[in-house]
């Protein structure tokens, strides 16, 4: 199935206002995707609307959030059940610094309903580091039955390789997000303990604009999906 598991909605202050649940789901269908996930910065509060719209439109979704650890490393968290994802928000809230958002500087942080109407505005700035280490973030994701994917591992300031310089051996991540086959080979060359066929690799868009949502180019096989979740469901 063709996928894109790293899309930001208008709840993320860095995403455009048009990144509403309906627009995201419809654009994903237009582009031929079968499975998507919205992963807003340090928040799961757009997921109920994503669930409603995806069911109405007819596209499969996972429920996400992109965490920023105290080391400023980005980690995608994805969940199969909305209930687990929403419970995870309680943990995020406990770790979130209470820094007010300035929408004129950082951008708006709007929570939508299933009709793309604004029902709430997040008052805290989401572009912050949680008061939790990388290991603590991954452990919490697992505690709530999610999977942890290290985001854009060779790109951007908040990649693990930019912040730490390497991926620690033994770190219990579930997948690595890259941009190309060339990046995969670079990651493997940097980490001799990594096995190409023993790692779940993802190529996502990290879309902040509708046009940037992935085309139907990258497929997740049933075998890989089973390896990710451990039971194939």
C-alpha atoms as a PDB file:
ATOM      1  CA  UNK A   1       0.000   0.000   0.000  1.00  0.00           C
ATOM      2  CA  UNK A   2       1.218   3.486  -0.878  1.00  0.00           C
ATOM      3  CA  UNK A   3       1.758   5.617   2.206  1.00  0.00           C
ATOM      4  CA  UNK A   4       2.827   8.899   3.724  1.00  0.00           C
ATOM      5  CA  UNK A   5       3.134   8.771   7.510  1.00  0.00           C
ATOM      6  CA  UNK A   6       4.537  12.239   8.176  1.00  0.00           C
ATOM      7  CA  UNK A   7       2.047  14.992   7.347  1.00  0.00           C
ATOM      8  CA  UNK A   8       1.447  18.136   9.401  1.00  0.00           C
ATOM      9  CA  UNK A   9      -1.974  19.696   9.831  1.00  0.00           C
ATOM     10  CA  UNK A  10      -2.840  23.321  10.592  1.00  0.00           C
ATOM     11  CA  UNK A  11      -2.396  22.484  14.276  1.00  0.00           C
ATOM     12  CA  UNK A  12       1.356  22.621  13.657  1.00  0.00           C
ATOM     13  CA  UNK A  13       2.261  26.329  13.562  1.00  0.00           C
ATOM     14  CA  UNK A  14       4.715  25.744  10.723  1.00  0.00           C
ATOM     15  CA  UNK A  15       2.033  24.271   8.419  1.00  0.00           C
ATOM     16  CA  UNK A  16      -0.178  26.259   6.073  1.00  0.00           C
ATOM     17  CA  UNK A  17      -3.771  27.055   7.069  1.00  0.00           C
ATOM     18  CA  UNK A  18      -5.104  24.855   4.238  1.00  0.00           C
ATOM     19  CA  UNK A  19      -3.767  21.709   5.939  1.00  0.00           C
ATOM     20  CA  UNK A  20      -7.172  20.770   7.332  1.00  0.00           C
ATOM     21  CA  UNK A  21      -8.346  17.187   7.896  1.00  0.00           C
ATOM     22  CA  UNK A  22     -10.620  17.183   4.827  1.00  0.00           C
ATOM     23  CA  UNK A  23      -8.034  18.774   2.555  1.00  0.00           C
ATOM     24  CA  UNK A  24      -5.336  16.367   3.691  1.00  0.00           C
ATOM     25  CA  UNK A  25      -7.485  13.264   3.193  1.00  0.00           C
ATOM     26  CA  UNK A  26      -8.793  14.405  -0.174  1.00  0.00           C
ATOM     27  CA  UNK A  27      -5.334  15.318  -1.445  1.00  0.00           C
ATOM     28  CA  UNK A  28      -4.015  11.942  -0.311  1.00  0.00           C
ATOM     29  CA  UNK A  29      -6.774  10.220  -2.291  1.00  0.00           C
ATOM     30  CA  UNK A  30      -6.071  12.358  -5.350  1.00  0.00           C
ATOM     31  CA  UNK A  31      -2.416  11.362  -5.126  1.00  0.00           C
ATOM     32  CA  UNK A  32      -3.303   7.682  -4.906  1.00  0.00           C
ATOM     33  CA  UNK A  33      -2.248   6.996  -1.335  1.00  0.00           C
ATOM     34  CA  UNK A  34      -3.712   4.115   0.673  1.00  0.00           C
ATOM     35  CA  UNK A  35      -2.390   4.915   4.154  1.00  0.00           C
ATOM     36  CA  UNK A  36      -1.515   8.237   5.787  1.00  0.00           C
ATOM     37  CA  UNK A  37      -0.737   9.674   9.204  1.00  0.00           C
ATOM     38  CA  UNK A  38      -0.897  13.231  10.441  1.00  0.00           C
ATOM     39  CA  UNK A  39       1.892  13.837  12.951  1.00  0.00           C
ATOM     40  CA  UNK A  40       1.663  17.313  14.442  1.00  0.00           C
ATOM     41  CA  UNK A  41       4.358  18.699  16.677  1.00  0.00           C
ATOM     42  CA  UNK A  42       3.910  17.484  20.265  1.00  0.00           C
ATOM     43  CA  UNK A  43       0.151  17.044  19.932  1.00  0.00           C
ATOM     44  CA  UNK A  44      -2.476  14.440  19.074  1.00  0.00           C
ATOM     45  CA  UNK A  45      -5.435  16.823  19.301  1.00  0.00           C
ATOM     46  CA  UNK A  46      -6.159  16.881  15.543  1.00  0.00           C
ATOM     47  CA  UNK A  47      -6.580  13.111  15.432  1.00  0.00           C
ATOM     48  CA  UNK A  48     -10.320  12.820  16.288  1.00  0.00           C
ATOM     49  CA  UNK A  49     -11.157  14.981  13.272  1.00  0.00           C
ATOM     50  CA  UNK A  50      -8.714  13.011  11.117  1.00  0.00           C
ATOM     51  CA  UNK A  51     -10.456   9.813  12.211  1.00  0.00           C
ATOM     52  CA  UNK A  52     -13.915  11.177  11.344  1.00  0.00           C
ATOM     53  CA  UNK A  53     -12.888  12.553   7.960  1.00  0.00           C
ATOM     54  CA  UNK A  54     -10.848   9.509   6.932  1.00  0.00           C
ATOM     55  CA  UNK A  55     -13.790   7.212   7.629  1.00  0.00           C
ATOM     56  CA  UNK A  56     -16.130   9.449   5.661  1.00  0.00           C
ATOM     57  CA  UNK A  57     -13.797   9.853   2.690  1.00  0.00           C
ATOM     58  CA  UNK A  58     -12.509   6.288   2.723  1.00  0.00           C
ATOM     59  CA  UNK A  59      -8.770   6.381   3.327  1.00  0.00           C
ATOM     60  CA  UNK A  60      -6.875   4.366   5.896  1.00  0.00           C
ATOM     61  CA  UNK A  61      -4.978   6.253   8.584  1.00  0.00           C
ATOM     62  CA  UNK A  62      -2.675   5.742  11.510  1.00  0.00           C
ATOM     63  CA  UNK A  63      -2.749   8.223  14.384  1.00  0.00           C
ATOM     64  CA  UNK A  64       0.419  10.187  14.949  1.00  0.00           C
ATOM     65  CA  UNK A  65       2.405  12.901  16.674  1.00  0.00           C
ATOM     66  CA  UNK A  66       5.936  14.182  16.137  1.00  0.00           C
ATOM     67  CA  UNK A  67       7.701  14.516  19.461  1.00  0.00           C
ATOM     68  CA  UNK A  68      10.740  16.667  20.177  1.00  0.00           C
ATOM     69  CA  UNK A  69      12.906  15.226  22.941  1.00  0.00           C
ATOM     70  CA  UNK A  70      14.957  17.255  25.383  1.00  0.00           C
ATOM     71  CA  UNK A  71      17.940  16.639  23.065  1.00  0.00           C
ATOM     72  CA  UNK A  72      15.853  18.332  20.303  1.00  0.00           C
ATOM     73  CA  UNK A  73      15.543  15.063  18.359  1.00  0.00           C
ATOM     74  CA  UNK A  74      12.324  14.487  16.400  1.00  0.00           C
ATOM     75  CA  UNK A  75      10.541  11.152  16.832  1.00  0.00           C
ATOM     76  CA  UNK A  76       7.420  10.103  14.953  1.00  0.00           C
ATOM     77  CA  UNK A  77       4.931   8.250  17.123  1.00  0.00           C
ATOM     78  CA  UNK A  78       2.253   6.260  15.310  1.00  0.00           C
ATOM     79  CA  UNK A  79      -0.660   4.325  16.755  1.00  0.00           C
ATOM     80  CA  UNK A  80      -3.226   1.975  15.276  1.00  0.00           C
ATOM     81  CA  UNK A  81      -5.939   2.858  17.777  1.00  0.00           C
ATOM     82  CA  UNK A  82      -7.307   6.363  18.278  1.00  0.00           C
ATOM     83  CA  UNK A  83      -7.871   5.527  21.953  1.00  0.00           C
ATOM     84  CA  UNK A  84      -4.166   4.820  22.516  1.00  0.00           C
ATOM     85  CA  UNK A  85      -3.191   7.956  20.642  1.00  0.00           C
ATOM     86  CA  UNK A  86      -5.522  10.132  22.709  1.00  0.00           C
ATOM     87  CA  UNK A  87      -4.349   8.572  25.965  1.00  0.00           C
ATOM     88  CA  UNK A  88      -0.782   9.374  24.908  1.00  0.00           C
ATOM     89  CA  UNK A  89      -1.691  13.072  24.908  1.00  0.00           C
ATOM     90  CA  UNK A  90      -1.892  12.936  28.707  1.00  0.00           C
ATOM     91  CA  UNK A  91       1.775  11.951  28.836  1.00  0.00           C
ATOM     92  CA  UNK A  92       2.698  14.709  26.362  1.00  0.00           C
ATOM     93  CA  UNK A  93       0.854  17.285  28.486  1.00  0.00           C
ATOM     94  CA  UNK A  94       2.840  16.238  31.548  1.00  0.00           C
ATOM     95  CA  UNK A  95       6.113  16.802  29.672  1.00  0.00           C
ATOM     96  CA  UNK A  96       5.151  19.959  27.755  1.00  0.00           C
ATOM     97  CA  UNK A  97       6.698  23.279  28.848  1.00  0.00           C
ATOM     98  CA  UNK A  98       4.080  25.949  29.425  1.00  0.00           C
ATOM     99  CA  UNK A  99       5.361  28.452  26.866  1.00  0.00           C
ATOM    100  CA  UNK A 100       2.640  30.572  25.204  1.00  0.00           C
ATOM    101  CA  UNK A 101       2.437  30.595  21.438  1.00  0.00           C
ATOM    102  CA  UNK A 102       2.789  33.842  19.524  1.00  0.00           C
ATOM    103  CA  UNK A 103       0.696  33.166  16.391  1.00  0.00           C
ATOM    104  CA  UNK A 104       1.998  36.282  14.683  1.00  0.00           C
ATOM    105  CA  UNK A 105       5.548  34.949  14.933  1.00  0.00           C
ATOM    106  CA  UNK A 106       5.281  31.154  14.930  1.00  0.00           C
ATOM    107  CA  UNK A 107       1.906  30.655  13.231  1.00  0.00           C
ATOM    108  CA  UNK A 108      -1.586  29.630  14.303  1.00  0.00           C
ATOM    109  CA  UNK A 109      -2.264  26.333  16.061  1.00  0.00           C
ATOM    110  CA  UNK A 110      -5.856  25.473  15.173  1.00  0.00           C
ATOM    111  CA  UNK A 111      -7.761  22.316  16.098  1.00  0.00           C
ATOM    112  CA  UNK A 112     -10.481  21.415  13.593  1.00  0.00           C
ATOM    113  CA  UNK A 113     -13.599  19.265  13.675  1.00  0.00           C
ATOM    114  CA  UNK A 114     -14.717  16.832  10.991  1.00  0.00           C
ATOM    115  CA  UNK A 115     -16.130  19.712   8.936  1.00  0.00           C
ATOM    116  CA  UNK A 116     -12.880  21.690   9.020  1.00  0.00           C
ATOM    117  CA  UNK A 117     -14.329  24.209  11.446  1.00  0.00           C
ATOM    118  CA  UNK A 118     -12.033  25.564  14.154  1.00  0.00           C
ATOM    119  CA  UNK A 119     -13.177  24.217  17.524  1.00  0.00           C
ATOM    120  CA  UNK A 120     -10.159  25.194  19.625  1.00  0.00           C
ATOM    121  CA  UNK A 121      -6.819  26.940  19.459  1.00  0.00           C
ATOM    122  CA  UNK A 122      -3.764  25.528  21.206  1.00  0.00           C
ATOM    123  CA  UNK A 123      -2.418  28.271  23.455  1.00  0.00           C
ATOM    124  CA  UNK A 124       0.947  26.645  24.208  1.00  0.00           C
ATOM    125  CA  UNK A 125       3.774  26.747  21.704  1.00  0.00           C
ATOM    126  CA  UNK A 126       4.133  23.288  20.168  1.00  0.00           C
ATOM    127  CA  UNK A 127       7.577  23.905  18.648  1.00  0.00           C
ATOM    128  CA  UNK A 128       9.411  23.082  21.862  1.00  0.00           C
ATOM    129  CA  UNK A 129      11.376  20.252  23.426  1.00  0.00           C
ATOM    130  CA  UNK A 130       9.495  18.062  25.875  1.00  0.00           C
ATOM    131  CA  UNK A 131      10.938  17.560  29.325  1.00  0.00           C
ATOM    132  CA  UNK A 132      11.789  13.980  28.401  1.00  0.00           C
ATOM    133  CA  UNK A 133      14.860  12.313  26.956  1.00  0.00           C
ATOM    134  CA  UNK A 134      14.925  10.477  23.650  1.00  0.00           C
ATOM    135  CA  UNK A 135      14.809   7.144  25.495  1.00  0.00           C
ATOM    136  CA  UNK A 136      11.927   8.330  27.693  1.00  0.00           C
ATOM    137  CA  UNK A 137       9.944   9.416  24.627  1.00  0.00           C
ATOM    138  CA  UNK A 138      10.414   6.050  22.939  1.00  0.00           C
ATOM    139  CA  UNK A 139       9.530   4.158  26.123  1.00  0.00           C
ATOM    140  CA  UNK A 140       6.346   6.207  26.518  1.00  0.00           C
ATOM    141  CA  UNK A 141       5.320   5.579  22.902  1.00  0.00           C
ATOM    142  CA  UNK A 142       5.714   1.856  23.495  1.00  0.00           C
ATOM    143  CA  UNK A 143       3.839   2.061  26.799  1.00  0.00           C
ATOM    144  CA  UNK A 144       0.817   3.390  24.889  1.00  0.00           C
ATOM    145  CA  UNK A 145       1.128   0.648  22.236  1.00  0.00           C
ATOM    146  CA  UNK A 146       2.622   2.886  19.572  1.00  0.00           C
ATOM    147  CA  UNK A 147       5.663   2.648  17.349  1.00  0.00           C
ATOM    148  CA  UNK A 148       8.605   5.053  17.361  1.00  0.00           C
ATOM    149  CA  UNK A 149      10.214   6.133  14.097  1.00  0.00           C
ATOM    150  CA  UNK A 150      13.282   8.370  14.140  1.00  0.00           C
ATOM    151  CA  UNK A 151      12.305  11.262  11.885  1.00  0.00           C
ATOM    152  CA  UNK A 152      14.330  12.524   8.892  1.00  0.00           C
ATOM    153  CA  UNK A 153      17.482  10.899  10.279  1.00  0.00           C
ATOM    154  CA  UNK A 154      19.910  12.703   7.945  1.00  0.00           C
ATOM    155  CA  UNK A 155      17.997  15.921   7.369  1.00  0.00           C
ATOM    156  CA  UNK A 156      17.207  19.095   9.224  1.00  0.00           C
ATOM    157  CA  UNK A 157      18.481  20.467  12.494  1.00  0.00           C
ATOM    158  CA  UNK A 158      16.303  18.122  14.554  1.00  0.00           C
ATOM    159  CA  UNK A 159      17.480  14.824  13.100  1.00  0.00           C
ATOM    160  CA  UNK A 160      19.154  12.392  15.472  1.00  0.00           C
ATOM    161  CA  UNK A 161      22.393  12.487  13.466  1.00  0.00           C
ATOM    162  CA  UNK A 162      22.521  16.284  13.580  1.00  0.00           C
ATOM    163  CA  UNK A 163      21.758  16.460  17.301  1.00  0.00           C
ATOM    164  CA  UNK A 164      23.673  13.430  18.594  1.00  0.00           C
ATOM    165  CA  UNK A 165      25.980  12.691  15.661  1.00  0.00           C
ATOM    166  CA  UNK A 166      24.857   9.053  15.389  1.00  0.00           C
ATOM    167  CA  UNK A 167      22.092   6.570  16.207  1.00  0.00           C
ATOM    168  CA  UNK A 168      22.981   4.872  19.515  1.00  0.00           C
ATOM    169  CA  UNK A 169      23.233   1.106  19.278  1.00  0.00           C
ATOM    170  CA  UNK A 170      20.514  -0.486  21.378  1.00  0.00           C
ATOM    171  CA  UNK A 171      18.112   2.455  21.078  1.00  0.00           C
ATOM    172  CA  UNK A 172      14.706   0.689  20.828  1.00  0.00           C
ATOM    173  CA  UNK A 173      13.304   2.540  17.808  1.00  0.00           C
ATOM    174  CA  UNK A 174      10.918   0.765  15.429  1.00  0.00           C
ATOM    175  CA  UNK A 175      11.813   2.462  12.150  1.00  0.00           C
ATOM    176  CA  UNK A 176      14.005   5.022  10.424  1.00  0.00           C
ATOM    177  CA  UNK A 177      12.733   7.779   8.171  1.00  0.00           C
ATOM    178  CA  UNK A 178      14.905   8.687   5.187  1.00  0.00           C
ATOM    179  CA  UNK A 179      14.445  10.590   1.931  1.00  0.00           C
ATOM    180  CA  UNK A 180      16.069   8.248  -0.598  1.00  0.00           C
ATOM    181  CA  UNK A 181      17.903   4.986  -1.191  1.00  0.00           C
ATOM    182  CA  UNK A 182      21.135   6.987  -1.183  1.00  0.00           C
ATOM    183  CA  UNK A 183      20.365   8.176   2.345  1.00  0.00           C
ATOM    184  CA  UNK A 184      19.679   4.593   3.436  1.00  0.00           C
ATOM    185  CA  UNK A 185      23.137   3.566   2.277  1.00  0.00           C
ATOM    186  CA  UNK A 186      24.701   6.507   4.100  1.00  0.00           C
ATOM    187  CA  UNK A 187      22.917   5.558   7.335  1.00  0.00           C
ATOM    188  CA  UNK A 188      24.086   1.954   6.967  1.00  0.00           C
ATOM    189  CA  UNK A 189      27.669   3.065   6.302  1.00  0.00           C
ATOM    190  CA  UNK A 190      27.612   5.252   9.424  1.00  0.00           C
ATOM    191  CA  UNK A 191      26.284   2.438  11.637  1.00  0.00           C
ATOM    192  CA  UNK A 192      27.911  -0.930  11.044  1.00  0.00           C
ATOM    193  CA  UNK A 193      25.574  -2.636  13.509  1.00  0.00           C
ATOM    194  CA  UNK A 194      22.464  -1.762  11.459  1.00  0.00           C
ATOM    195  CA  UNK A 195      21.131  -4.389   9.055  1.00  0.00           C
ATOM    196  CA  UNK A 196      19.348  -3.235   5.917  1.00  0.00           C
ATOM    197  CA  UNK A 197      16.843  -6.093   5.982  1.00  0.00           C
ATOM    198  CA  UNK A 198      16.429  -5.922   9.748  1.00  0.00           C
ATOM    199  CA  UNK A 199      15.319  -2.291   9.818  1.00  0.00           C
ATOM    200  CA  UNK A 200      11.952  -0.843   8.826  1.00  0.00           C
ATOM    201  CA  UNK A 201      12.629   2.115   6.506  1.00  0.00           C
ATOM    202  CA  UNK A 202      10.167   4.870   5.653  1.00  0.00           C
ATOM    203  CA  UNK A 203      10.207   7.595   3.021  1.00  0.00           C
ATOM    204  CA  UNK A 204       7.691  10.271   3.963  1.00  0.00           C
ATOM    205  CA  UNK A 205       6.971  13.804   2.841  1.00  0.00           C
ATOM    206  CA  UNK A 206       7.053  15.744   6.141  1.00  0.00           C
ATOM    207  CA  UNK A 207       4.470  17.842   4.297  1.00  0.00           C
ATOM    208  CA  UNK A 208       3.547  21.271   5.605  1.00  0.00           C
ATOM    209  CA  UNK A 209       1.730  22.197   2.368  1.00  0.00           C
ATOM    210  CA  UNK A 210      -0.920  20.208   0.502  1.00  0.00           C
ATOM    211  CA  UNK A 211       1.134  20.025  -2.671  1.00  0.00           C
ATOM    212  CA  UNK A 212       3.995  18.368  -0.775  1.00  0.00           C
ATOM    213  CA  UNK A 213       2.027  15.285   0.321  1.00  0.00           C
ATOM    214  CA  UNK A 214       3.672  12.230  -1.226  1.00  0.00           C
ATOM    215  CA  UNK A 215       2.710  10.845  -4.591  1.00  0.00           C
ATOM    216  CA  UNK A 216       1.963   7.101  -4.850  1.00  0.00           C
ATOM    217  CA  UNK A 217       5.662   6.196  -5.050  1.00  0.00           C
ATOM    218  CA  UNK A 218       6.581   4.460  -1.806  1.00  0.00           C
ATOM    219  CA  UNK A 219       4.809   1.258  -0.839  1.00  0.00           C
ATOM    220  CA  UNK A 220       4.586  -0.509   2.503  1.00  0.00           C
ATOM    221  CA  UNK A 221       4.324  -4.262   2.018  1.00  0.00           C
ATOM    222  CA  UNK A 222       2.219  -6.542   4.187  1.00  0.00           C
ATOM    223  CA  UNK A 223       5.444  -8.168   5.385  1.00  0.00           C
ATOM    224  CA  UNK A 224       6.941  -4.840   6.427  1.00  0.00           C
ATOM    225  CA  UNK A 225       3.728  -3.780   8.123  1.00  0.00           C
ATOM    226  CA  UNK A 226       3.736  -7.035  10.070  1.00  0.00           C
ATOM    227  CA  UNK A 227       7.356  -6.518  11.051  1.00  0.00           C
ATOM    228  CA  UNK A 228       6.480  -3.045  12.323  1.00  0.00           C
ATOM    229  CA  UNK A 229       3.563  -4.153  14.486  1.00  0.00           C
ATOM    230  CA  UNK A 230       4.558  -7.733  15.161  1.00  0.00           C
ATOM    231  CA  UNK A 231       1.193  -9.312  14.364  1.00  0.00           C
ATOM    232  CA  UNK A 232       0.293  -8.257  10.811  1.00  0.00           C
ATOM    233  CA  UNK A 233      -3.009  -6.661  11.751  1.00  0.00           C
END
